[in-house]
């Protein structure tokens, strides 16, 4: 596919993600999408196979980006607290670049068809890696001895909802946000009362 075709496909996917966030995946029709990108509905099929194809592109690419990020963090030679900070930064960075896609990842994943099982396995592995990092932190006394799954759930619930909050905060600096959010989320579980 030429670069113009690829760019058009990316534009269609980006617009679809915005529509999915605003109306919900089920409510968006191919006609809605064609109107939003200003082409005839029949012409959409020159760029994409189906609405399902778009949803897969959005969700699977984000899930794989999180998986790759977690793999890098998990294998890094840094303290557990720094790994947790890196997870917060990963979520901030991905969400800033994909606010609409994150809405689909959180709200429309159950509409995946042949890729649902793959997506669920990525999510499960990500959460298991997260819990393992927390368990390691409890063992090394970097994190207070508490239920690792509850710690993971508490942090992840906040990070997964960033897409709702970030669009209202145009003036936020990405690094500052990641640092401040990390302070709030991690200091509550950090064994020491202050961070270095």
C-alpha atoms as a PDB file:
ATOM      1  CA  UNK A   1       0.000   0.000   0.000  1.00  0.00           C
ATOM      2  CA  UNK A   2       1.346   3.455  -0.826  1.00  0.00           C
ATOM      3  CA  UNK A   3       1.999   6.052   1.848  1.00  0.00           C
ATOM      4  CA  UNK A   4      -1.111   8.044   0.913  1.00  0.00           C
ATOM      5  CA  UNK A   5      -3.275   4.934   1.313  1.00  0.00           C
ATOM      6  CA  UNK A   6      -1.631   4.163   4.642  1.00  0.00           C
ATOM      7  CA  UNK A   7      -2.165   7.738   5.813  1.00  0.00           C
ATOM      8  CA  UNK A   8      -5.835   7.579   4.773  1.00  0.00           C
ATOM      9  CA  UNK A   9      -6.256   4.295   6.647  1.00  0.00           C
ATOM     10  CA  UNK A  10      -4.644   5.828   9.740  1.00  0.00           C
ATOM     11  CA  UNK A  11      -6.971   8.818   9.455  1.00  0.00           C
ATOM     12  CA  UNK A  12      -9.988   6.495   9.211  1.00  0.00           C
ATOM     13  CA  UNK A  13      -8.835   4.508  12.268  1.00  0.00           C
ATOM     14  CA  UNK A  14      -8.183   7.674  14.271  1.00  0.00           C
ATOM     15  CA  UNK A  15     -11.599   9.109  13.348  1.00  0.00           C
ATOM     16  CA  UNK A  16     -13.299   5.804  14.146  1.00  0.00           C
ATOM     17  CA  UNK A  17     -11.663   5.752  17.590  1.00  0.00           C
ATOM     18  CA  UNK A  18     -13.060   9.236  18.258  1.00  0.00           C
ATOM     19  CA  UNK A  19     -16.543   8.166  17.120  1.00  0.00           C
ATOM     20  CA  UNK A  20     -16.376   4.971  19.197  1.00  0.00           C
ATOM     21  CA  UNK A  21     -15.530   7.066  22.267  1.00  0.00           C
ATOM     22  CA  UNK A  22     -18.350   9.543  21.617  1.00  0.00           C
ATOM     23  CA  UNK A  23     -21.124   7.126  20.575  1.00  0.00           C
ATOM     24  CA  UNK A  24     -19.932   3.654  21.558  1.00  0.00           C
ATOM     25  CA  UNK A  25     -18.703   1.013  19.127  1.00  0.00           C
ATOM     26  CA  UNK A  26     -22.111  -0.605  18.587  1.00  0.00           C
ATOM     27  CA  UNK A  27     -23.809   2.681  17.716  1.00  0.00           C
ATOM     28  CA  UNK A  28     -21.271   3.783  15.070  1.00  0.00           C
ATOM     29  CA  UNK A  29     -22.139   2.795  11.511  1.00  0.00           C
ATOM     30  CA  UNK A  30     -19.899   2.694   8.460  1.00  0.00           C
ATOM     31  CA  UNK A  31     -22.042   5.537   7.112  1.00  0.00           C
ATOM     32  CA  UNK A  32     -21.214   7.633  10.221  1.00  0.00           C
ATOM     33  CA  UNK A  33     -17.547   6.932   9.698  1.00  0.00           C
ATOM     34  CA  UNK A  34     -17.653   7.735   5.979  1.00  0.00           C
ATOM     35  CA  UNK A  35     -19.376  11.042   6.725  1.00  0.00           C
ATOM     36  CA  UNK A  36     -16.803  11.906   9.417  1.00  0.00           C
ATOM     37  CA  UNK A  37     -13.862  11.313   7.050  1.00  0.00           C
ATOM     38  CA  UNK A  38     -15.730  12.895   4.145  1.00  0.00           C
ATOM     39  CA  UNK A  39     -15.768   9.981   1.705  1.00  0.00           C
ATOM     40  CA  UNK A  40     -18.512   7.739   0.318  1.00  0.00           C
ATOM     41  CA  UNK A  41     -19.333   4.697   2.459  1.00  0.00           C
ATOM     42  CA  UNK A  42     -18.437   2.341  -0.411  1.00  0.00           C
ATOM     43  CA  UNK A  43     -15.016   3.985  -0.691  1.00  0.00           C
ATOM     44  CA  UNK A  44     -14.224   3.136   2.933  1.00  0.00           C
ATOM     45  CA  UNK A  45     -13.768  -0.479   1.891  1.00  0.00           C
ATOM     46  CA  UNK A  46     -10.817   0.517  -0.275  1.00  0.00           C
ATOM     47  CA  UNK A  47      -8.979   1.265   2.975  1.00  0.00           C
ATOM     48  CA  UNK A  48     -10.438  -1.099   5.564  1.00  0.00           C
ATOM     49  CA  UNK A  49     -12.237  -4.444   5.625  1.00  0.00           C
ATOM     50  CA  UNK A  50     -14.862  -3.741   8.289  1.00  0.00           C
ATOM     51  CA  UNK A  51     -15.722  -1.907  11.481  1.00  0.00           C
ATOM     52  CA  UNK A  52     -14.416  -4.970  13.348  1.00  0.00           C
ATOM     53  CA  UNK A  53     -11.097  -4.604  11.481  1.00  0.00           C
ATOM     54  CA  UNK A  54     -10.818  -1.034  12.791  1.00  0.00           C
ATOM     55  CA  UNK A  55     -11.619  -2.065  16.360  1.00  0.00           C
ATOM     56  CA  UNK A  56      -8.958  -4.796  16.204  1.00  0.00           C
ATOM     57  CA  UNK A  57      -6.398  -2.321  14.861  1.00  0.00           C
ATOM     58  CA  UNK A  58      -7.091   0.079  17.712  1.00  0.00           C
ATOM     59  CA  UNK A  59      -7.286  -2.338  20.630  1.00  0.00           C
ATOM     60  CA  UNK A  60      -4.687  -4.933  19.674  1.00  0.00           C
ATOM     61  CA  UNK A  61      -2.050  -2.353  18.770  1.00  0.00           C
ATOM     62  CA  UNK A  62      -2.522  -0.629  22.147  1.00  0.00           C
ATOM     63  CA  UNK A  63      -2.566  -3.912  24.077  1.00  0.00           C
ATOM     64  CA  UNK A  64       0.657  -4.965  22.343  1.00  0.00           C
ATOM     65  CA  UNK A  65       2.227  -1.576  23.097  1.00  0.00           C
ATOM     66  CA  UNK A  66       1.430  -2.042  26.798  1.00  0.00           C
ATOM     67  CA  UNK A  67       2.740  -5.624  26.682  1.00  0.00           C
ATOM     68  CA  UNK A  68       6.028  -4.564  25.079  1.00  0.00           C
ATOM     69  CA  UNK A  69       6.384  -1.711  27.572  1.00  0.00           C
ATOM     70  CA  UNK A  70       5.766  -4.037  30.515  1.00  0.00           C
ATOM     71  CA  UNK A  71       8.312  -6.539  29.149  1.00  0.00           C
ATOM     72  CA  UNK A  72      10.962  -3.793  29.008  1.00  0.00           C
ATOM     73  CA  UNK A  73      10.087  -2.575  32.516  1.00  0.00           C
ATOM     74  CA  UNK A  74       9.990  -6.089  33.978  1.00  0.00           C
ATOM     75  CA  UNK A  75      13.463  -6.886  32.600  1.00  0.00           C
ATOM     76  CA  UNK A  76      15.032  -3.539  33.539  1.00  0.00           C
ATOM     77  CA  UNK A  77      17.715  -3.445  36.204  1.00  0.00           C
ATOM     78  CA  UNK A  78      16.140  -0.789  38.437  1.00  0.00           C
ATOM     79  CA  UNK A  79      14.429  -0.714  41.840  1.00  0.00           C
ATOM     80  CA  UNK A  80      10.832  -1.883  42.199  1.00  0.00           C
ATOM     81  CA  UNK A  81       9.696   1.680  42.908  1.00  0.00           C
ATOM     82  CA  UNK A  82      11.357   2.812  39.669  1.00  0.00           C
ATOM     83  CA  UNK A  83       9.615  -0.038  37.818  1.00  0.00           C
ATOM     84  CA  UNK A  84       6.276   1.138  39.207  1.00  0.00           C
ATOM     85  CA  UNK A  85       7.095   4.702  38.174  1.00  0.00           C
ATOM     86  CA  UNK A  86       7.939   3.403  34.691  1.00  0.00           C
ATOM     87  CA  UNK A  87       4.526   1.681  34.526  1.00  0.00           C
ATOM     88  CA  UNK A  88       2.828   4.980  35.432  1.00  0.00           C
ATOM     89  CA  UNK A  89       4.871   6.757  32.720  1.00  0.00           C
ATOM     90  CA  UNK A  90       3.999   4.037  30.208  1.00  0.00           C
ATOM     91  CA  UNK A  91       0.284   4.617  30.822  1.00  0.00           C
ATOM     92  CA  UNK A  92       0.605   8.405  30.720  1.00  0.00           C
ATOM     93  CA  UNK A  93       2.561   8.346  27.442  1.00  0.00           C
ATOM     94  CA  UNK A  94       0.316   5.848  25.676  1.00  0.00           C
ATOM     95  CA  UNK A  95      -2.840   7.630  26.864  1.00  0.00           C
ATOM     96  CA  UNK A  96      -1.613  11.081  25.804  1.00  0.00           C
ATOM     97  CA  UNK A  97      -0.965   9.782  22.277  1.00  0.00           C
ATOM     98  CA  UNK A  98      -4.116   7.614  22.070  1.00  0.00           C
ATOM     99  CA  UNK A  99      -6.874   9.168  24.173  1.00  0.00           C
ATOM    100  CA  UNK A 100      -9.667   7.943  21.879  1.00  0.00           C
ATOM    101  CA  UNK A 101      -8.060   4.537  21.385  1.00  0.00           C
ATOM    102  CA  UNK A 102      -7.830   4.108  25.152  1.00  0.00           C
ATOM    103  CA  UNK A 103     -11.591   4.615  25.355  1.00  0.00           C
ATOM    104  CA  UNK A 104     -12.036   1.689  22.939  1.00  0.00           C
ATOM    105  CA  UNK A 105      -9.509  -0.413  24.845  1.00  0.00           C
ATOM    106  CA  UNK A 106     -11.460   0.142  28.074  1.00  0.00           C
ATOM    107  CA  UNK A 107     -15.037   0.161  26.775  1.00  0.00           C
ATOM    108  CA  UNK A 108     -15.206  -1.856  23.551  1.00  0.00           C
ATOM    109  CA  UNK A 109     -12.807  -4.794  24.018  1.00  0.00           C
ATOM    110  CA  UNK A 110     -15.707  -7.192  24.549  1.00  0.00           C
ATOM    111  CA  UNK A 111     -16.795  -6.532  20.926  1.00  0.00           C
ATOM    112  CA  UNK A 112     -13.606  -8.108  19.570  1.00  0.00           C
ATOM    113  CA  UNK A 113     -14.471 -11.285  17.743  1.00  0.00           C
ATOM    114  CA  UNK A 114     -11.649 -13.577  16.602  1.00  0.00           C
ATOM    115  CA  UNK A 115      -9.075 -11.498  18.526  1.00  0.00           C
ATOM    116  CA  UNK A 116     -10.894 -11.477  21.890  1.00  0.00           C
ATOM    117  CA  UNK A 117      -9.017 -14.443  23.327  1.00  0.00           C
ATOM    118  CA  UNK A 118      -5.671 -12.962  22.243  1.00  0.00           C
ATOM    119  CA  UNK A 119      -6.541  -9.598  23.797  1.00  0.00           C
ATOM    120  CA  UNK A 120      -7.630 -11.224  27.071  1.00  0.00           C
ATOM    121  CA  UNK A 121      -4.377 -13.197  27.234  1.00  0.00           C
ATOM    122  CA  UNK A 122      -2.354  -9.985  26.742  1.00  0.00           C
ATOM    123  CA  UNK A 123      -4.332  -8.265  29.495  1.00  0.00           C
ATOM    124  CA  UNK A 124      -3.991 -11.231  31.856  1.00  0.00           C
ATOM    125  CA  UNK A 125      -0.218 -11.451  31.300  1.00  0.00           C
ATOM    126  CA  UNK A 126       0.168  -7.698  31.825  1.00  0.00           C
ATOM    127  CA  UNK A 127      -1.703  -7.858  35.131  1.00  0.00           C
ATOM    128  CA  UNK A 128       0.274 -10.933  36.250  1.00  0.00           C
ATOM    129  CA  UNK A 129       3.570  -9.170  35.476  1.00  0.00           C
ATOM    130  CA  UNK A 130       2.349  -6.126  37.413  1.00  0.00           C
ATOM    131  CA  UNK A 131       1.472  -8.281  40.445  1.00  0.00           C
ATOM    132  CA  UNK A 132       4.868 -10.044  40.270  1.00  0.00           C
ATOM    133  CA  UNK A 133       6.661  -6.685  40.352  1.00  0.00           C
ATOM    134  CA  UNK A 134       4.607  -5.704  43.403  1.00  0.00           C
ATOM    135  CA  UNK A 135       5.310  -9.051  45.124  1.00  0.00           C
ATOM    136  CA  UNK A 136       9.039  -8.538  44.524  1.00  0.00           C
ATOM    137  CA  UNK A 137       8.738  -5.081  46.092  1.00  0.00           C
ATOM    138  CA  UNK A 138       7.045  -6.525  49.149  1.00  0.00           C
ATOM    139  CA  UNK A 139       9.830  -9.145  49.484  1.00  0.00           C
ATOM    140  CA  UNK A 140      12.552  -6.477  49.235  1.00  0.00           C
ATOM    141  CA  UNK A 141      10.612  -4.246  51.670  1.00  0.00           C
ATOM    142  CA  UNK A 142      10.333  -1.453  49.062  1.00  0.00           C
ATOM    143  CA  UNK A 143       6.563  -1.790  49.277  1.00  0.00           C
ATOM    144  CA  UNK A 144       4.438  -2.152  52.394  1.00  0.00           C
ATOM    145  CA  UNK A 145       3.250  -5.711  53.039  1.00  0.00           C
ATOM    146  CA  UNK A 146      -0.246  -5.600  51.637  1.00  0.00           C
ATOM    147  CA  UNK A 147      -2.337  -7.590  49.158  1.00  0.00           C
ATOM    148  CA  UNK A 148      -0.475  -7.330  45.793  1.00  0.00           C
ATOM    149  CA  UNK A 149      -3.655  -7.732  43.746  1.00  0.00           C
ATOM    150  CA  UNK A 150      -5.379  -4.882  45.584  1.00  0.00           C
ATOM    151  CA  UNK A 151      -2.320  -2.662  45.085  1.00  0.00           C
ATOM    152  CA  UNK A 152      -2.274  -3.522  41.362  1.00  0.00           C
ATOM    153  CA  UNK A 153      -6.022  -2.965  41.024  1.00  0.00           C
ATOM    154  CA  UNK A 154      -5.832   0.406  42.822  1.00  0.00           C
ATOM    155  CA  UNK A 155      -3.033   1.718  40.617  1.00  0.00           C
ATOM    156  CA  UNK A 156      -4.368   0.227  37.389  1.00  0.00           C
ATOM    157  CA  UNK A 157      -7.898   1.547  37.906  1.00  0.00           C
ATOM    158  CA  UNK A 158      -6.535   5.086  38.064  1.00  0.00           C
ATOM    159  CA  UNK A 159      -4.211   4.581  35.090  1.00  0.00           C
ATOM    160  CA  UNK A 160      -6.943   3.002  32.949  1.00  0.00           C
ATOM    161  CA  UNK A 161      -9.227   5.992  33.503  1.00  0.00           C
ATOM    162  CA  UNK A 162      -6.646   8.624  32.486  1.00  0.00           C
ATOM    163  CA  UNK A 163      -8.271   8.878  29.049  1.00  0.00           C
ATOM    164  CA  UNK A 164     -11.340  10.433  30.700  1.00  0.00           C
ATOM    165  CA  UNK A 165      -9.361  13.076  32.566  1.00  0.00           C
ATOM    166  CA  UNK A 166      -6.465  13.984  30.258  1.00  0.00           C
ATOM    167  CA  UNK A 167      -8.456  15.711  27.472  1.00  0.00           C
ATOM    168  CA  UNK A 168      -9.648  18.264  30.041  1.00  0.00           C
ATOM    169  CA  UNK A 169      -6.045  19.088  31.013  1.00  0.00           C
ATOM    170  CA  UNK A 170      -4.427  20.624  27.921  1.00  0.00           C
ATOM    171  CA  UNK A 171      -1.735  22.386  29.917  1.00  0.00           C
ATOM    172  CA  UNK A 172      -0.275  19.276  31.565  1.00  0.00           C
ATOM    173  CA  UNK A 173       3.363  18.467  30.965  1.00  0.00           C
ATOM    174  CA  UNK A 174       3.727  14.731  30.294  1.00  0.00           C
ATOM    175  CA  UNK A 175       6.826  14.195  32.486  1.00  0.00           C
ATOM    176  CA  UNK A 176       5.395  16.284  35.287  1.00  0.00           C
ATOM    177  CA  UNK A 177       2.111  14.394  35.132  1.00  0.00           C
ATOM    178  CA  UNK A 178       3.880  11.018  35.229  1.00  0.00           C
ATOM    179  CA  UNK A 179       6.026  12.129  38.174  1.00  0.00           C
ATOM    180  CA  UNK A 180       3.137  13.636  40.169  1.00  0.00           C
ATOM    181  CA  UNK A 181       0.845  10.712  39.444  1.00  0.00           C
ATOM    182  CA  UNK A 182       3.630   8.311  40.400  1.00  0.00           C
ATOM    183  CA  UNK A 183       4.120  10.196  43.671  1.00  0.00           C
ATOM    184  CA  UNK A 184       0.426   9.961  44.518  1.00  0.00           C
ATOM    185  CA  UNK A 185      -0.019   6.318  43.504  1.00  0.00           C
ATOM    186  CA  UNK A 186       3.279   4.915  44.727  1.00  0.00           C
ATOM    187  CA  UNK A 187       4.012   6.841  47.910  1.00  0.00           C
ATOM    188  CA  UNK A 188       0.891   5.306  49.378  1.00  0.00           C
ATOM    189  CA  UNK A 189       2.519   1.867  49.029  1.00  0.00           C
ATOM    190  CA  UNK A 190       6.160   2.901  49.390  1.00  0.00           C
ATOM    191  CA  UNK A 191       7.687   1.428  52.556  1.00  0.00           C
ATOM    192  CA  UNK A 192       9.530   4.670  53.338  1.00  0.00           C
ATOM    193  CA  UNK A 193       7.415   7.731  54.043  1.00  0.00           C
ATOM    194  CA  UNK A 194       9.335   9.846  51.535  1.00  0.00           C
ATOM    195  CA  UNK A 195      11.021   9.082  48.232  1.00  0.00           C
ATOM    196  CA  UNK A 196      14.583   9.924  47.323  1.00  0.00           C
END
